Amino acid sequence: MMDITLISPSVTVYNGRNEPLTLFQWKDYHHEARHRTMTLTADEFIRRFLLHVLPVGFKRIRSYGWLANRHRAESLATCRRLLGVEPPVAASPIIAEDYRYRYQQLTGRSLRDCPACGKGTWSAASKARCLATRLAPSRGRLPAHVR
């Protein structure tokens, strides 16, 4: 005698001889969308099923139907036409300001200037050169504002 449990129209669980088995139907799109039946152990069915469950915090982003990526532009245009809605005006792209330029506007000081002497454009080589010239008279000691 077998115990049969119907979970959904496409999934049936029954007790086999040694372990519970899951019998489910699926659509085989590689062979003219025929309905096929597969029998798996309960453990294997659960493992395969859980491959489709997203972890907490993840969001499924795939769209189906009229929002599918391949035909989205045409479908949205048809929806707007049927609803009598004008298409949105394309916004001009916003060019992000460089943070150094914004810093200079706010503080009046440039991040491009050498931090040691305040003159010239900062780079590692220019800073080393600037420090070397400033250290020479003080016999190897760093100035207070550079330490």
Protein backbone atom coordinates (compact mmCIF):
# COMPACT_ATOMS: atom_id res chain seq x y z
CA MET A 1 0.00 0.00 0.00
CA MET A 2 1.30 3.47 -0.94
CA ASP A 3 0.41 6.73 0.75
CA ILE A 4 -0.16 9.40 -1.91
CA THR A 5 -0.25 13.09 -1.09
CA LEU A 6 -1.18 15.65 -3.71
CA ILE A 7 0.66 18.91 -3.01
CA SER A 8 -0.31 20.75 -6.17
CA PRO A 9 -1.60 19.73 -9.61
CA SER A 10 2.00 19.22 -10.75
CA VAL A 11 3.60 17.67 -7.63
CA THR A 12 2.70 14.36 -5.99
CA VAL A 13 4.53 12.78 -3.06
CA TYR A 14 4.22 9.09 -2.35
CA ASN A 15 6.03 6.53 -0.23
CA GLY A 16 8.16 4.26 -2.36
CA ARG A 17 9.54 0.98 -1.12
CA ASN A 18 12.40 2.46 0.91
CA GLU A 19 11.96 6.23 0.90
CA PRO A 20 9.45 8.91 -0.05
CA LEU A 21 9.49 9.86 -3.71
CA THR A 22 8.29 12.99 -5.44
CA LEU A 23 6.63 12.81 -8.81
CA PHE A 24 6.22 16.11 -10.63
CA GLN A 25 5.26 17.38 -14.06
CA TRP A 26 7.26 19.91 -16.01
CA LYS A 27 7.16 21.44 -19.45
CA ASP A 28 9.97 20.43 -21.80
CA TYR A 29 10.46 23.43 -24.08
CA HIS A 30 13.24 21.67 -26.01
CA HIS A 31 10.75 19.09 -27.27
CA GLU A 32 7.71 21.09 -28.46
CA ALA A 33 6.65 22.11 -24.92
CA ARG A 34 5.53 18.59 -24.02
CA HIS A 35 4.52 17.84 -20.47
CA ARG A 36 6.96 15.39 -18.91
CA THR A 37 6.97 13.58 -15.59
CA MET A 38 10.03 13.13 -13.39
CA THR A 39 10.44 11.07 -10.23
CA LEU A 40 12.97 12.17 -7.63
CA THR A 41 13.70 11.32 -4.03
CA ALA A 42 12.25 13.81 -1.57
CA ASP A 43 15.74 15.09 -0.66
CA GLU A 44 16.68 15.70 -4.30
CA PHE A 45 13.36 17.42 -5.02
CA ILE A 46 13.80 19.76 -2.06
CA ARG A 47 17.42 20.47 -3.06
CA ARG A 48 16.36 21.40 -6.61
CA PHE A 49 13.41 23.42 -5.36
CA LEU A 50 15.57 25.45 -2.97
CA LEU A 51 17.91 26.40 -5.82
CA HIS A 52 15.11 28.75 -6.91
CA VAL A 53 14.68 30.43 -3.51
CA LEU A 54 16.54 33.71 -3.14
CA PRO A 55 18.48 34.48 0.04
CA VAL A 56 17.07 37.09 2.42
CA GLY A 57 17.77 40.60 1.14
CA PHE A 58 17.99 39.66 -2.54
CA LYS A 59 15.39 40.87 -5.02
CA ARG A 60 14.35 39.07 -8.17
CA ILE A 61 14.85 41.48 -11.06
CA ARG A 62 13.73 39.47 -14.06
CA SER A 63 10.62 40.83 -15.73
CA TYR A 64 8.10 38.84 -17.72
CA GLY A 65 5.38 39.74 -20.20
CA TRP A 66 5.13 43.28 -21.43
CA LEU A 67 8.06 44.39 -19.24
CA ALA A 68 10.41 41.76 -20.65
CA ASN A 69 13.60 43.46 -21.80
CA ARG A 70 13.41 42.37 -25.43
CA HIS A 71 10.14 44.20 -26.19
CA ARG A 72 9.95 46.71 -23.34
CA ALA A 73 10.30 49.89 -25.45
CA GLU A 74 7.64 48.84 -27.96
CA SER A 75 5.28 47.59 -25.25
CA LEU A 76 5.57 50.76 -23.19
CA ALA A 77 4.99 52.88 -26.31
CA THR A 78 1.83 50.85 -27.06
CA CYS A 79 0.63 51.24 -23.44
CA ARG A 80 1.20 55.01 -23.56
CA ARG A 81 -0.62 55.26 -26.89
CA LEU A 82 -3.60 53.27 -25.61
CA LEU A 83 -3.75 55.29 -22.39
CA GLY A 84 -3.28 58.59 -24.21
CA VAL A 85 -0.19 59.50 -22.18
CA GLU A 86 2.72 61.45 -23.64
CA PRO A 87 6.13 59.79 -23.42
CA PRO A 88 8.40 61.28 -20.75
CA VAL A 89 10.83 63.95 -21.85
CA ALA A 90 14.38 62.68 -21.68
CA ALA A 91 16.22 64.56 -18.96
CA SER A 92 19.58 66.06 -19.78
CA PRO A 93 22.35 64.03 -18.19
CA ILE A 94 23.66 65.54 -14.99
CA ILE A 95 27.40 65.92 -15.02
CA ALA A 96 28.73 65.28 -11.55
CA GLU A 97 31.16 67.87 -10.29
CA ASP A 98 34.58 66.70 -9.26
CA TYR A 99 34.82 66.67 -5.44
CA ARG A 100 38.03 68.71 -5.60
CA TYR A 101 36.26 71.49 -7.50
CA ARG A 102 33.38 71.47 -5.01
CA TYR A 103 35.83 71.57 -2.07
CA GLN A 104 37.56 74.59 -3.60
CA GLN A 105 34.20 76.37 -4.06
CA LEU A 106 33.27 75.79 -0.42
CA THR A 107 36.60 76.46 1.30
CA GLY A 108 38.57 78.63 -1.08
CA ARG A 109 41.51 76.18 -0.86
CA SER A 110 42.47 73.79 -3.61
CA LEU A 111 43.12 70.12 -2.98
CA ARG A 112 45.44 70.21 -5.99
CA ASP A 113 47.93 72.52 -4.25
CA CYS A 114 50.92 71.04 -2.47
CA PRO A 115 49.98 70.54 1.22
CA ALA A 116 53.54 71.22 2.38
CA CYS A 117 54.24 74.56 0.74
CA GLY A 118 50.87 75.57 -0.70
CA LYS A 119 52.44 76.31 -4.09
CA GLY A 120 52.30 74.26 -7.25
CA THR A 121 50.31 71.15 -8.06
CA TRP A 122 50.44 68.30 -5.58
CA SER A 123 51.94 64.95 -6.50
CA ALA A 124 54.06 62.52 -4.57
CA ALA A 125 57.20 63.66 -6.40
CA SER A 126 56.51 67.36 -5.89
CA LYS A 127 55.75 66.80 -2.20
CA ALA A 128 59.05 64.94 -1.71
CA ARG A 129 60.91 67.71 -3.54
CA CYS A 130 59.13 70.39 -1.51
CA LEU A 131 59.88 68.65 1.79
CA ALA A 132 63.53 68.16 0.83
CA THR A 133 63.98 71.86 0.17
CA ARG A 134 62.19 72.79 3.38
CA LEU A 135 64.18 70.31 5.49
CA ALA A 136 67.61 71.46 4.37
CA PRO A 137 67.83 74.61 6.53
CA SER A 138 66.36 72.91 9.62
CA ARG A 139 68.85 70.02 9.53
CA GLY A 140 66.42 67.17 8.99
CA ARG A 141 63.54 68.20 11.21
CA LEU A 142 60.04 68.35 9.73
CA PRO A 143 58.21 71.67 10.00
CA ALA A 144 55.49 71.73 12.66
CA HIS A 145 52.60 71.89 10.19
CA VAL A 146 53.88 68.80 8.30
CA ARG A 147 54.57 66.50 11.29
